[in-house]
Structure formats: C-alpha cells, structure tokens
PDB file of N, CA and C in Angstrom:
ATOM      1  N   MET A   1      -8.582   2.504  10.308  1.00  0.00           N
ATOM      2  CA  MET A   1      -7.262   3.082  10.344  1.00  0.00           C
ATOM      3  C   MET A   1      -7.137   4.268   9.387  1.00  0.00           C
ATOM      4  N   ALA A   2      -7.970   5.237   9.591  1.00  0.00           N
ATOM      5  CA  ALA A   2      -7.946   6.412   8.719  1.00  0.00           C
ATOM      6  C   ALA A   2      -6.630   7.162   8.798  1.00  0.00           C
ATOM      7  N   TRP A   3      -5.918   7.067   9.923  1.00  0.00           N
ATOM      8  CA  TRP A   3      -4.664   7.796  10.077  1.00  0.00           C
ATOM      9  C   TRP A   3      -3.661   7.422   9.006  1.00  0.00           C
ATOM     10  N   ARG A   4      -3.667   6.163   8.552  1.00  0.00           N
ATOM     11  CA  ARG A   4      -2.670   5.768   7.549  1.00  0.00           C
ATOM     12  C   ARG A   4      -2.944   6.414   6.196  1.00  0.00           C
ATOM     13  N   PHE A   5      -4.196   6.799   5.961  1.00  0.00           N
ATOM     14  CA  PHE A   5      -4.510   7.500   4.718  1.00  0.00           C
ATOM     15  C   PHE A   5      -3.947   8.922   4.731  1.00  0.00           C
ATOM     16  N   TYR A   6      -3.643   9.425   5.916  1.00  0.00           N
ATOM     17  CA  TYR A   6      -3.093  10.769   6.046  1.00  0.00           C
ATOM     18  C   TYR A   6      -1.613  10.753   6.409  1.00  0.00           C
ATOM     19  N   ALA A   7      -1.203   9.831   7.263  1.00  0.00           N
ATOM     20  CA  ALA A   7       0.190   9.802   7.728  1.00  0.00           C
ATOM     21  C   ALA A   7       1.161   9.458   6.596  1.00  0.00           C
ATOM     22  N   PHE A   8       0.879   8.420   5.831  1.00  0.00           N
ATOM     23  CA  PHE A   8       1.807   8.029   4.765  1.00  0.00           C
ATOM     24  C   PHE A   8       1.981   9.127   3.724  1.00  0.00           C
ATOM     25  N   PRO A   9       0.910   9.701   3.187  1.00  0.00           N
ATOM     26  CA  PRO A   9       1.115  10.777   2.209  1.00  0.00           C
ATOM     27  C   PRO A   9       1.861  11.982   2.785  1.00  0.00           C
ATOM     28  N   LEU A  10       1.627  12.293   4.053  1.00  0.00           N
ATOM     29  CA  LEU A  10       2.315  13.426   4.659  1.00  0.00           C
ATOM     30  C   LEU A  10       3.811  13.149   4.797  1.00  0.00           C
ATOM     31  N   VAL A  11       4.155  11.995   5.326  1.00  0.00           N
ATOM     32  CA  VAL A  11       5.579  11.651   5.479  1.00  0.00           C
ATOM     33  C   VAL A  11       6.243  11.562   4.109  1.00  0.00           C
ATOM     34  N   PHE A  12       5.582  10.931   3.163  1.00  0.00           N
ATOM     35  CA  PHE A  12       6.077  10.815   1.793  1.00  0.00           C
ATOM     36  C   PHE A  12       6.355  12.207   1.213  1.00  0.00           C
ATOM     37  N   THR A  13       5.406  13.112   1.387  1.00  0.00           N
ATOM     38  CA  THR A  13       5.542  14.481   0.883  1.00  0.00           C
ATOM     39  C   THR A  13       6.693  15.210   1.560  1.00  0.00           C
ATOM     40  N   LEU A  14       6.789  15.092   2.870  1.00  0.00           N
ATOM     41  CA  LEU A  14       7.855  15.774   3.601  1.00  0.00           C
ATOM     42  C   LEU A  14       9.235  15.283   3.184  1.00  0.00           C
ATOM     43  N   VAL A  15       9.371  13.991   2.984  1.00  0.00           N
ATOM     44  CA  VAL A  15      10.668  13.427   2.578  1.00  0.00           C
ATOM     45  C   VAL A  15      11.104  13.979   1.221  1.00  0.00           C
ATOM     46  N   ILE A  16      10.166  14.216   0.348  1.00  0.00           N
ATOM     47  CA  ILE A  16      10.493  14.733  -0.988  1.00  0.00           C
ATOM     48  C   ILE A  16      10.618  16.261  -0.982  1.00  0.00           C
ATOM     49  N   GLU A  17       9.682  16.931  -0.366  1.00  0.00           N
ATOM     50  CA  GLU A  17       9.607  18.386  -0.506  1.00  0.00           C
ATOM     51  C   GLU A  17      10.561  19.176   0.392  1.00  0.00           C
ATOM     52  N   LEU A  18      10.832  18.708   1.601  1.00  0.00           N
ATOM     53  CA  LEU A  18      11.693  19.496   2.485  1.00  0.00           C
ATOM     54  C   LEU A  18      13.101  19.698   1.920  1.00  0.00           C
ATOM     55  N   PRO A  19      13.775  18.641   1.474  1.00  0.00           N
ATOM     56  CA  PRO A  19      15.112  18.883   0.907  1.00  0.00           C
ATOM     57  C   PRO A  19      15.072  19.730  -0.363  1.00  0.00           C
ATOM     58  N   LEU A  20      14.064  19.520  -1.183  1.00  0.00           N
ATOM     59  CA  LEU A  20      13.961  20.277  -2.432  1.00  0.00           C
ATOM     60  C   LEU A  20      13.703  21.757  -2.149  1.00  0.00           C
ATOM     61  N   ALA A  21      12.799  22.041  -1.240  1.00  0.00           N
ATOM     62  CA  ALA A  21      12.486  23.437  -0.907  1.00  0.00           C
ATOM     63  C   ALA A  21      13.725  24.165  -0.396  1.00  0.00           C
ATOM     64  N   THR A  22      14.509  23.508   0.443  1.00  0.00           N
ATOM     65  CA  THR A  22      15.691  24.170   0.994  1.00  0.00           C
ATOM     66  C   THR A  22      16.772  24.393  -0.055  1.00  0.00           C
ATOM     67  N   GLU A  23      16.819  23.547  -1.055  1.00  0.00           N
ATOM     68  CA  GLU A  23      17.810  23.725  -2.124  1.00  0.00           C
ATOM     69  C   GLU A  23      17.428  24.823  -3.104  1.00  0.00           C
ATOM     70  N   LEU A  24      16.172  25.185  -3.145  1.00  0.00           N
ATOM     71  CA  LEU A  24      15.695  26.173  -4.112  1.00  0.00           C
ATOM     72  C   LEU A  24      15.710  27.607  -3.597  1.00  0.00           C
ATOM     73  N   VAL A  25      16.199  27.798  -2.386  1.00  0.00           N
ATOM     74  CA  VAL A  25      16.273  29.151  -1.821  1.00  0.00           C
ATOM     75  C   VAL A  25      17.728  29.495  -1.518  1.00  0.00           C
ATOM     76  N   PRO A  26      18.036  30.774  -1.391  1.00  0.00           N
ATOM     77  CA  PRO A  26      19.403  31.174  -1.033  1.00  0.00           C
ATOM     78  C   PRO A  26      19.815  30.579   0.319  1.00  0.00           C
ATOM     79  N   ARG A  27      21.107  30.360   0.476  1.00  0.00           N
ATOM     80  CA  ARG A  27      21.633  29.726   1.701  1.00  0.00           C
ATOM     81  C   ARG A  27      21.127  30.372   2.993  1.00  0.00           C
ATOM     82  N   GLY A  28      21.046  31.667   3.026  1.00  0.00           N
ATOM     83  CA  GLY A  28      20.631  32.362   4.232  1.00  0.00           C
ATOM     84  C   GLY A  28      19.180  32.138   4.625  1.00  0.00           C
ATOM     85  N   GLN A  29      18.385  31.589   3.724  1.00  0.00           N
ATOM     86  CA  GLN A  29      16.969  31.365   4.001  1.00  0.00           C
ATOM     87  C   GLN A  29      16.619  29.891   4.175  1.00  0.00           C
ATOM     88  N   ARG A  30      17.604  29.035   4.143  1.00  0.00           N
ATOM     89  CA  ARG A  30      17.319  27.591   4.155  1.00  0.00           C
ATOM     90  C   ARG A  30      16.716  27.100   5.463  1.00  0.00           C
ATOM     91  N   ARG A  31      17.235  27.539   6.581  1.00  0.00           N
ATOM     92  CA  ARG A  31      16.703  27.060   7.868  1.00  0.00           C
ATOM     93  C   ARG A  31      15.249  27.503   8.028  1.00  0.00           C
ATOM     94  N   ARG A  32      14.984  28.757   7.711  1.00  0.00           N
ATOM     95  CA  ARG A  32      13.616  29.277   7.804  1.00  0.00           C
ATOM     96  C   ARG A  32      12.697  28.545   6.829  1.00  0.00           C
ATOM     97  N   THR A  33      13.171  28.313   5.618  1.00  0.00           N
ATOM     98  CA  THR A  33      12.364  27.624   4.608  1.00  0.00           C
ATOM     99  C   THR A  33      12.072  26.193   5.034  1.00  0.00           C
ATOM    100  N   LEU A  34      13.038  25.529   5.651  1.00  0.00           N
ATOM    101  CA  LEU A  34      12.827  24.154   6.117  1.00  0.00           C
ATOM    102  C   LEU A  34      11.677  24.103   7.123  1.00  0.00           C
ATOM    103  N   LEU A  35      11.701  24.990   8.098  1.00  0.00           N
ATOM    104  CA  LEU A  35      10.634  25.018   9.103  1.00  0.00           C
ATOM    105  C   LEU A  35       9.297  25.395   8.466  1.00  0.00           C
ATOM    106  N   ASP A  36       9.314  26.426   7.637  1.00  0.00           N
ATOM    107  CA  ASP A  36       8.066  26.866   7.010  1.00  0.00           C
ATOM    108  C   ASP A  36       7.498  25.806   6.067  1.00  0.00           C
ATOM    109  N   ALA A  37       8.349  25.140   5.314  1.00  0.00           N
ATOM    110  CA  ALA A  37       7.881  24.077   4.412  1.00  0.00           C
ATOM    111  C   ALA A  37       7.230  22.950   5.213  1.00  0.00           C
ATOM    112  N   PHE A  38       7.822  22.617   6.341  1.00  0.00           N
ATOM    113  CA  PHE A  38       7.251  21.597   7.215  1.00  0.00           C
ATOM    114  C   PHE A  38       5.849  22.014   7.667  1.00  0.00           C
ATOM    115  N   LEU A  39       5.728  23.224   8.177  1.00  0.00           N
ATOM    116  CA  LEU A  39       4.441  23.702   8.682  1.00  0.00           C
ATOM    117  C   LEU A  39       3.413  23.883   7.568  1.00  0.00           C
ATOM    118  N   ILE A  40       3.846  24.394   6.442  1.00  0.00           N
ATOM    119  CA  ILE A  40       2.940  24.574   5.304  1.00  0.00           C
ATOM    120  C   ILE A  40       2.376  23.232   4.849  1.00  0.00           C
ATOM    121  N   ASN A  41       3.235  22.219   4.764  1.00  0.00           N
ATOM    122  CA  ASN A  41       2.771  20.900   4.321  1.00  0.00           C
ATOM    123  C   ASN A  41       1.882  20.220   5.350  1.00  0.00           C
ATOM    124  N   ILE A  42       2.117  20.483   6.626  1.00  0.00           N
ATOM    125  CA  ILE A  42       1.233  19.924   7.656  1.00  0.00           C
ATOM    126  C   ILE A  42      -0.169  20.507   7.513  1.00  0.00           C
ATOM    127  N   PHE A  43      -0.247  21.722   6.987  1.00  0.00           N
ATOM    128  CA  PHE A  43      -1.533  22.370   6.749  1.00  0.00           C
ATOM    129  C   PHE A  43      -2.172  21.885   5.437  1.00  0.00           C
ATOM    130  N   THR A  44      -1.415  21.899   4.340  1.00  0.00           N
ATOM    131  CA  THR A  44      -2.017  21.640   3.030  1.00  0.00           C
ATOM    132  C   THR A  44      -2.178  20.157   2.699  1.00  0.00           C
ATOM    133  N   ASN A  45      -1.248  19.321   3.132  1.00  0.00           N
ATOM    134  CA  ASN A  45      -1.297  17.916   2.719  1.00  0.00           C
ATOM    135  C   ASN A  45      -2.535  17.176   3.212  1.00  0.00           C
ATOM    136  N   PRO A  46      -2.880  17.238   4.497  1.00  0.00           N
ATOM    137  CA  PRO A  46      -4.093  16.522   4.926  1.00  0.00           C
ATOM    138  C   PRO A  46      -5.356  17.019   4.216  1.00  0.00           C
ATOM    139  N   LEU A  47      -5.427  18.314   3.952  1.00  0.00           N
ATOM    140  CA  LEU A  47      -6.583  18.838   3.224  1.00  0.00           C
ATOM    141  C   LEU A  47      -6.625  18.303   1.796  1.00  0.00           C
ATOM    142  N   ALA A  48      -5.467  18.268   1.144  1.00  0.00           N
ATOM    143  CA  ALA A  48      -5.413  17.737  -0.221  1.00  0.00           C
ATOM    144  C   ALA A  48      -5.801  16.263  -0.244  1.00  0.00           C
ATOM    145  N   VAL A  49      -5.309  15.496   0.708  1.00  0.00           N
ATOM    146  CA  VAL A  49      -5.639  14.070   0.777  1.00  0.00           C
ATOM    147  C   VAL A  49      -7.139  13.889   1.034  1.00  0.00           C
ATOM    148  N   PHE A  50      -7.682  14.669   1.951  1.00  0.00           N
ATOM    149  CA  PHE A  50      -9.111  14.578   2.248  1.00  0.00           C
ATOM    150  C   PHE A  50      -9.945  14.838   0.999  1.00  0.00           C
ATOM    151  N   PHE A  51      -9.658  15.950   0.306  1.00  0.00           N
ATOM    152  CA  PHE A  51     -10.449  16.281  -0.877  1.00  0.00           C
ATOM    153  C   PHE A  51     -10.202  15.309  -2.025  1.00  0.00           C
ATOM    154  N   HIS A  52      -9.001  14.780  -2.123  1.00  0.00           N
ATOM    155  CA  HIS A  52      -8.738  13.779  -3.159  1.00  0.00           C
ATOM    156  C   HIS A  52      -9.549  12.521  -2.901  1.00  0.00           C
ATOM    157  N   ARG A  53      -9.566  12.070  -1.649  1.00  0.00           N
ATOM    158  CA  ARG A  53     -10.355  10.875  -1.311  1.00  0.00           C
ATOM    159  C   ARG A  53     -11.847  11.131  -1.515  1.00  0.00           C
ATOM    160  N   LEU A  54     -12.284  12.347  -1.286  1.00  0.00           N
ATOM    161  CA  LEU A  54     -13.693  12.705  -1.436  1.00  0.00           C
ATOM    162  C   LEU A  54     -14.104  12.797  -2.903  1.00  0.00           C
ATOM    163  N   LEU A  55     -13.242  13.334  -3.751  1.00  0.00           N
ATOM    164  CA  LEU A  55     -13.610  13.656  -5.128  1.00  0.00           C
ATOM    165  C   LEU A  55     -13.093  12.690  -6.193  1.00  0.00           C
ATOM    166  N   ALA A  56     -12.106  11.879  -5.872  1.00  0.00           N
ATOM    167  CA  ALA A  56     -11.528  10.989  -6.887  1.00  0.00           C
ATOM    168  C   ALA A  56     -12.543   9.954  -7.354  1.00  0.00           C
ATOM    169  N   THR A  57     -12.504   9.680  -8.627  1.00  0.00           N
ATOM    170  CA  THR A  57     -13.367   8.664  -9.215  1.00  0.00           C
ATOM    171  C   THR A  57     -12.755   7.297  -8.944  1.00  0.00           C
ATOM    172  N   PRO A  58     -13.535   6.361  -8.391  1.00  0.00           N
ATOM    173  CA  PRO A  58     -12.991   5.022  -8.156  1.00  0.00           C
ATOM    174  C   PRO A  58     -12.423   4.429  -9.450  1.00  0.00           C
ATOM    175  N   GLY A  59     -11.225   3.911  -9.356  1.00  0.00           N
ATOM    176  CA  GLY A  59     -10.568   3.311 -10.512  1.00  0.00           C
ATOM    177  C   GLY A  59      -9.799   4.305 -11.363  1.00  0.00           C
ATOM    178  N   ILE A  60     -10.032   5.603 -11.147  1.00  0.00           N
ATOM    179  CA  ILE A  60      -9.316   6.645 -11.894  1.00  0.00           C
ATOM    180  C   ILE A  60      -8.843   7.696 -10.880  1.00  0.00           C
ATOM    181  N   PRO A  61      -7.852   7.356 -10.060  1.00  0.00           N
ATOM    182  CA  PRO A  61      -7.480   8.261  -8.976  1.00  0.00           C
ATOM    183  C   PRO A  61      -6.753   9.528  -9.417  1.00  0.00           C
ATOM    184  N   TYR A  62      -6.247   9.576 -10.637  1.00  0.00           N
ATOM    185  CA  TYR A  62      -5.449  10.730 -11.048  1.00  0.00           C
ATOM    186  C   TYR A  62      -6.075  11.482 -12.213  1.00  0.00           C
ATOM    187  N   GLY A  63      -7.353  11.744 -12.105  1.00  0.00           N
ATOM    188  CA  GLY A  63      -8.060  12.487 -13.136  1.00  0.00           C
ATOM    189  C   GLY A  63      -8.125  13.969 -12.820  1.00  0.00           C
ATOM    190  N   LEU A  64      -9.163  14.595 -13.308  1.00  0.00           N
ATOM    191  CA  LEU A  64      -9.344  16.034 -13.159  1.00  0.00           C
ATOM    192  C   LEU A  64      -9.363  16.505 -11.699  1.00  0.00           C
ATOM    193  N   PRO A  65     -10.039  15.809 -10.787  1.00  0.00           N
ATOM    194  CA  PRO A  65     -10.008  16.268  -9.388  1.00  0.00           C
ATOM    195  C   PRO A  65      -8.579  16.343  -8.834  1.00  0.00           C
ATOM    196  N   PHE A  66      -7.763  15.351  -9.147  1.00  0.00           N
ATOM    197  CA  PHE A  66      -6.368  15.344  -8.692  1.00  0.00           C
ATOM    198  C   PHE A  66      -5.635  16.575  -9.210  1.00  0.00           C
ATOM    199  N   LEU A  67      -5.781  16.867 -10.495  1.00  0.00           N
ATOM    200  CA  LEU A  67      -5.108  18.032 -11.086  1.00  0.00           C
ATOM    201  C   LEU A  67      -5.590  19.341 -10.463  1.00  0.00           C
ATOM    202  N   LEU A  68      -6.889  19.473 -10.275  1.00  0.00           N
ATOM    203  CA  LEU A  68      -7.424  20.696  -9.679  1.00  0.00           C
ATOM    204  C   LEU A  68      -6.956  20.877  -8.237  1.00  0.00           C
ATOM    205  N   ILE A  69      -6.933  19.802  -7.484  1.00  0.00           N
ATOM    206  CA  ILE A  69      -6.453  19.862  -6.100  1.00  0.00           C
ATOM    207  C   ILE A  69      -4.986  20.274  -6.078  1.00  0.00           C
ATOM    208  N   GLU A  70      -4.185  19.695  -6.946  1.00  0.00           N
ATOM    209  CA  GLU A  70      -2.762  20.051  -6.989  1.00  0.00           C
ATOM    210  C   GLU A  70      -2.560  21.515  -7.378  1.00  0.00           C
ATOM    211  N   ILE A  71      -3.355  22.019  -8.289  1.00  0.00           N
ATOM    212  CA  ILE A  71      -3.252  23.437  -8.669  1.00  0.00           C
ATOM    213  C   ILE A  71      -3.589  24.325  -7.476  1.00  0.00           C
ATOM    214  N   VAL A  72      -4.646  23.991  -6.749  1.00  0.00           N
ATOM    215  CA  VAL A  72      -5.019  24.773  -5.569  1.00  0.00           C
ATOM    216  C   VAL A  72      -3.912  24.708  -4.521  1.00  0.00           C
ATOM    217  N   VAL A  73      -3.323  23.536  -4.332  1.00  0.00           N
ATOM    218  CA  VAL A  73      -2.224  23.386  -3.368  1.00  0.00           C
ATOM    219  C   VAL A  73      -1.026  24.233  -3.794  1.00  0.00           C
ATOM    220  N   ILE A  74      -0.660  24.187  -5.057  1.00  0.00           N
ATOM    221  CA  ILE A  74       0.477  24.978  -5.547  1.00  0.00           C
ATOM    222  C   ILE A  74       0.228  26.468  -5.307  1.00  0.00           C
ATOM    223  N   LEU A  75      -0.955  26.946  -5.630  1.00  0.00           N
ATOM    224  CA  LEU A  75      -1.276  28.362  -5.432  1.00  0.00           C
ATOM    225  C   LEU A  75      -1.286  28.732  -3.949  1.00  0.00           C
ATOM    226  N   THR A  76      -1.876  27.887  -3.132  1.00  0.00           N
ATOM    227  CA  THR A  76      -1.928  28.143  -1.688  1.00  0.00           C
ATOM    228  C   THR A  76      -0.537  28.171  -1.086  1.00  0.00           C
ATOM    229  N   GLU A  77       0.281  27.179  -1.445  1.00  0.00           N
ATOM    230  CA  GLU A  77       1.627  27.123  -0.884  1.00  0.00           C
ATOM    231  C   GLU A  77       2.487  28.277  -1.386  1.00  0.00           C
ATOM    232  N   ALA A  78       2.323  28.684  -2.628  1.00  0.00           N
ATOM    233  CA  ALA A  78       3.070  29.839  -3.135  1.00  0.00           C
ATOM    234  C   ALA A  78       2.712  31.079  -2.319  1.00  0.00           C
ATOM    235  N   LEU A  79       1.430  31.268  -2.059  1.00  0.00           N
ATOM    236  CA  LEU A  79       0.990  32.392  -1.246  1.00  0.00           C
ATOM    237  C   LEU A  79       1.590  32.321   0.161  1.00  0.00           C
ATOM    238  N   LEU A  80       1.623  31.129   0.736  1.00  0.00           N
ATOM    239  CA  LEU A  80       2.188  30.970   2.079  1.00  0.00           C
ATOM    240  C   LEU A  80       3.707  31.177   2.078  1.00  0.00           C
ATOM    241  N   TYR A  81       4.398  30.670   1.071  1.00  0.00           N
ATOM    242  CA  TYR A  81       5.843  30.910   0.990  1.00  0.00           C
ATOM    243  C   TYR A  81       6.127  32.406   0.833  1.00  0.00           C
ATOM    244  N   ARG A  82       5.278  33.096   0.127  1.00  0.00           N
ATOM    245  CA  ARG A  82       5.449  34.540  -0.048  1.00  0.00           C
ATOM    246  C   ARG A  82       5.182  35.278   1.253  1.00  0.00           C
ATOM    247  N   SER A  83       4.069  34.975   1.914  1.00  0.00           N
ATOM    248  CA  SER A  83       3.667  35.745   3.085  1.00  0.00           C
ATOM    249  C   SER A  83       4.375  35.313   4.371  1.00  0.00           C
ATOM    250  N   VAL A  84       4.632  34.024   4.536  1.00  0.00           N
ATOM    251  CA  VAL A  84       5.244  33.533   5.780  1.00  0.00           C
ATOM    252  C   VAL A  84       6.770  33.525   5.680  1.00  0.00           C
ATOM    253  N   THR A  85       7.286  32.958   4.627  1.00  0.00           N
ATOM    254  CA  THR A  85       8.735  32.822   4.467  1.00  0.00           C
ATOM    255  C   THR A  85       9.353  34.094   3.889  1.00  0.00           C
ATOM    256  N   ARG A  86       8.505  34.953   3.338  1.00  0.00           N
ATOM    257  CA  ARG A  86       8.938  36.217   2.744  1.00  0.00           C
ATOM    258  C   ARG A  86       9.796  36.024   1.496  1.00  0.00           C
ATOM    259  N   LEU A  87       9.518  34.946   0.763  1.00  0.00           N
ATOM    260  CA  LEU A  87      10.199  34.750  -0.517  1.00  0.00           C
ATOM    261  C   LEU A  87       9.580  35.691  -1.544  1.00  0.00           C
ATOM    262  N   PRO A  88      10.369  36.162  -2.499  1.00  0.00           N
ATOM    263  CA  PRO A  88       9.781  36.927  -3.596  1.00  0.00           C
ATOM    264  C   PRO A  88       8.767  36.053  -4.346  1.00  0.00           C
ATOM    265  N   TRP A  89       7.792  36.691  -4.999  1.00  0.00           N
ATOM    266  CA  TRP A  89       6.735  35.927  -5.677  1.00  0.00           C
ATOM    267  C   TRP A  89       7.290  34.871  -6.623  1.00  0.00           C
ATOM    268  N   GLY A  90       8.271  35.228  -7.420  1.00  0.00           N
ATOM    269  CA  GLY A  90       8.829  34.269  -8.371  1.00  0.00           C
ATOM    270  C   GLY A  90       9.450  33.067  -7.693  1.00  0.00           C
ATOM    271  N   ARG A  91      10.199  33.316  -6.622  1.00  0.00           N
ATOM    272  CA  ARG A  91      10.838  32.224  -5.877  1.00  0.00           C
ATOM    273  C   ARG A  91       9.782  31.393  -5.160  1.00  0.00           C
ATOM    274  N   ALA A  92       8.773  32.043  -4.587  1.00  0.00           N
ATOM    275  CA  ALA A  92       7.693  31.313  -3.903  1.00  0.00           C
ATOM    276  C   ALA A  92       6.967  30.394  -4.879  1.00  0.00           C
ATOM    277  N   ALA A  93       6.700  30.905  -6.081  1.00  0.00           N
ATOM    278  CA  ALA A  93       6.028  30.092  -7.100  1.00  0.00           C
ATOM    279  C   ALA A  93       6.916  28.934  -7.544  1.00  0.00           C
ATOM    280  N   LEU A  94       8.207  29.192  -7.692  1.00  0.00           N
ATOM    281  CA  LEU A  94       9.147  28.131  -8.078  1.00  0.00           C
ATOM    282  C   LEU A  94       9.198  27.036  -7.025  1.00  0.00           C
ATOM    283  N   VAL A  95       9.370  27.421  -5.776  1.00  0.00           N
ATOM    284  CA  VAL A  95       9.463  26.435  -4.696  1.00  0.00           C
ATOM    285  C   VAL A  95       8.185  25.615  -4.618  1.00  0.00           C
ATOM    286  N   SER A  96       7.051  26.280  -4.614  1.00  0.00           N
ATOM    287  CA  SER A  96       5.770  25.578  -4.517  1.00  0.00           C
ATOM    288  C   SER A  96       5.548  24.645  -5.703  1.00  0.00           C
ATOM    289  N   SER A  97       5.772  25.151  -6.898  1.00  0.00           N
ATOM    290  CA  SER A  97       5.546  24.342  -8.108  1.00  0.00           C
ATOM    291  C   SER A  97       6.492  23.149  -8.173  1.00  0.00           C
ATOM    292  N   ALA A  98       7.778  23.399  -7.983  1.00  0.00           N
ATOM    293  CA  ALA A  98       8.762  22.311  -8.081  1.00  0.00           C
ATOM    294  C   ALA A  98       8.500  21.235  -7.032  1.00  0.00           C
ATOM    295  N   CYS A  99       8.255  21.660  -5.806  1.00  0.00           N
ATOM    296  CA  CYS A  99       8.027  20.682  -4.735  1.00  0.00           C
ATOM    297  C   CYS A  99       6.779  19.854  -4.982  1.00  0.00           C
ATOM    298  N   ASN A 100       5.705  20.499  -5.383  1.00  0.00           N
ATOM    299  CA  ASN A 100       4.453  19.765  -5.574  1.00  0.00           C
ATOM    300  C   ASN A 100       4.453  18.912  -6.829  1.00  0.00           C
ATOM    301  N   VAL A 101       5.084  19.368  -7.886  1.00  0.00           N
ATOM    302  CA  VAL A 101       5.199  18.529  -9.086  1.00  0.00           C
ATOM    303  C   VAL A 101       6.044  17.300  -8.762  1.00  0.00           C
ATOM    304  N   ALA A 102       7.127  17.499  -8.004  1.00  0.00           N
ATOM    305  CA  ALA A 102       7.984  16.360  -7.640  1.00  0.00           C
ATOM    306  C   ALA A 102       7.239  15.363  -6.757  1.00  0.00           C
ATOM    307  N   SER A 103       6.619  15.840  -5.688  1.00  0.00           N
ATOM    308  CA  SER A 103       5.970  14.892  -4.775  1.00  0.00           C
ATOM    309  C   SER A 103       4.738  14.253  -5.408  1.00  0.00           C
ATOM    310  N   ALA A 104       3.961  15.018  -6.158  1.00  0.00           N
ATOM    311  CA  ALA A 104       2.791  14.431  -6.822  1.00  0.00           C
ATOM    312  C   ALA A 104       3.224  13.453  -7.906  1.00  0.00           C
ATOM    313  N   GLY A 105       4.219  13.822  -8.679  1.00  0.00           N
ATOM    314  CA  GLY A 105       4.703  12.932  -9.748  1.00  0.00           C
ATOM    315  C   GLY A 105       5.259  11.629  -9.207  1.00  0.00           C
ATOM    316  N   ILE A 106       6.091  11.726  -8.179  1.00  0.00           N
ATOM    317  CA  ILE A 106       6.652  10.512  -7.571  1.00  0.00           C
ATOM    318  C   ILE A 106       5.540   9.709  -6.911  1.00  0.00           C
ATOM    319  N   GLY A 107       4.556  10.391  -6.315  1.00  0.00           N
ATOM    320  CA  GLY A 107       3.419   9.696  -5.725  1.00  0.00           C
ATOM    321  C   GLY A 107       2.612   8.923  -6.732  1.00  0.00           C
ATOM    322  N   VAL A 108       2.391   9.523  -7.897  1.00  0.00           N
ATOM    323  CA  VAL A 108       1.649   8.822  -8.954  1.00  0.00           C
ATOM    324  C   VAL A 108       2.426   7.579  -9.414  1.00  0.00           C
ATOM    325  N   VAL A 109       3.714   7.730  -9.638  1.00  0.00           N
ATOM    326  CA  VAL A 109       4.547   6.589 -10.048  1.00  0.00           C
ATOM    327  C   VAL A 109       4.517   5.499  -8.987  1.00  0.00           C
ATOM    328  N   TYR A 110       4.653   5.901  -7.726  1.00  0.00           N
ATOM    329  CA  TYR A 110       4.605   4.928  -6.629  1.00  0.00           C
ATOM    330  C   TYR A 110       3.265   4.185  -6.635  1.00  0.00           C
ATOM    331  N   HIS A 111       2.172   4.928  -6.759  1.00  0.00           N
ATOM    332  CA  HIS A 111       0.846   4.320  -6.753  1.00  0.00           C
ATOM    333  C   HIS A 111       0.676   3.349  -7.926  1.00  0.00           C
ATOM    334  N   LEU A 112       1.156   3.729  -9.081  1.00  0.00           N
ATOM    335  CA  LEU A 112       1.030   2.874 -10.262  1.00  0.00           C
ATOM    336  C   LEU A 112       1.881   1.602 -10.152  1.00  0.00           C
ATOM    337  N   MET A 113       2.970   1.678  -9.396  1.00  0.00           N
ATOM    338  CA  MET A 113       3.855   0.517  -9.239  1.00  0.00           C
ATOM    339  C   MET A 113       3.388  -0.435  -8.150  1.00  0.00           C
ATOM    340  N   THR A 114       2.503   0.026  -7.257  1.00  0.00           N
ATOM    341  CA  THR A 114       2.079  -0.851  -6.153  1.00  0.00           C
ATOM    342  C   THR A 114       0.731  -1.466  -6.439  1.00  0.00           C
TER     343      THR A 114
END
C-alpha cells in the first residue's frame, strides 16, 4: 500500500497549506493562489516524501535529510509562486516559508504523538 505513504502526507499538507497560502496574499490574488498552491503541492509533496523515505535514518526521521529536503521544497515553491502565481519575490518567499514551516512543524508534532 505505497499510496498511503503519499496520499496522507499530501492531503495533510493541502489541508494546512491551502488556507494559509490564500490568507498570505492580497484578496485579488487568492483564487489564483489557491489553485496554484494546490498544483505546486501536488508536484513538490510526493517528491519530498519519496526523498524523505529514501534518505531518512531509521529511528531518526527528522534529522538532517528532513531539513535539507524542506529547504529545497521551500526554495522550489518560492520560485514557483514567483513564476507561476506572479507573486513578488518577498511575498513568494513568505508564502512558501510560512506554509512549509507550518505543515512540516505540525507533521512532526503529529508523528511524535502517534
């Protein structure tokens, strides 16, 4: 059931990041940002999960590989928010950073509690 290793993190991420991304942009850009955030996460999340499962140390799932993957995701998503959504660089970086810190942080807490 490999799909559950990808489906749950994706849905979890979308539930956290979509509302946050839309709140961090001006009202006139919210509908576009909602769609773009959805598509961006469909692209980046499965790749992040794949590389995390590949590189994580058994018993230490949130070490250096996790941090490096999250940094790459933040940079990639900022670039995509800038080029696809046409957000200014500062806003693109804010949206990407805030969304990924929130979803990764809540994910770590969830994992530690289960």
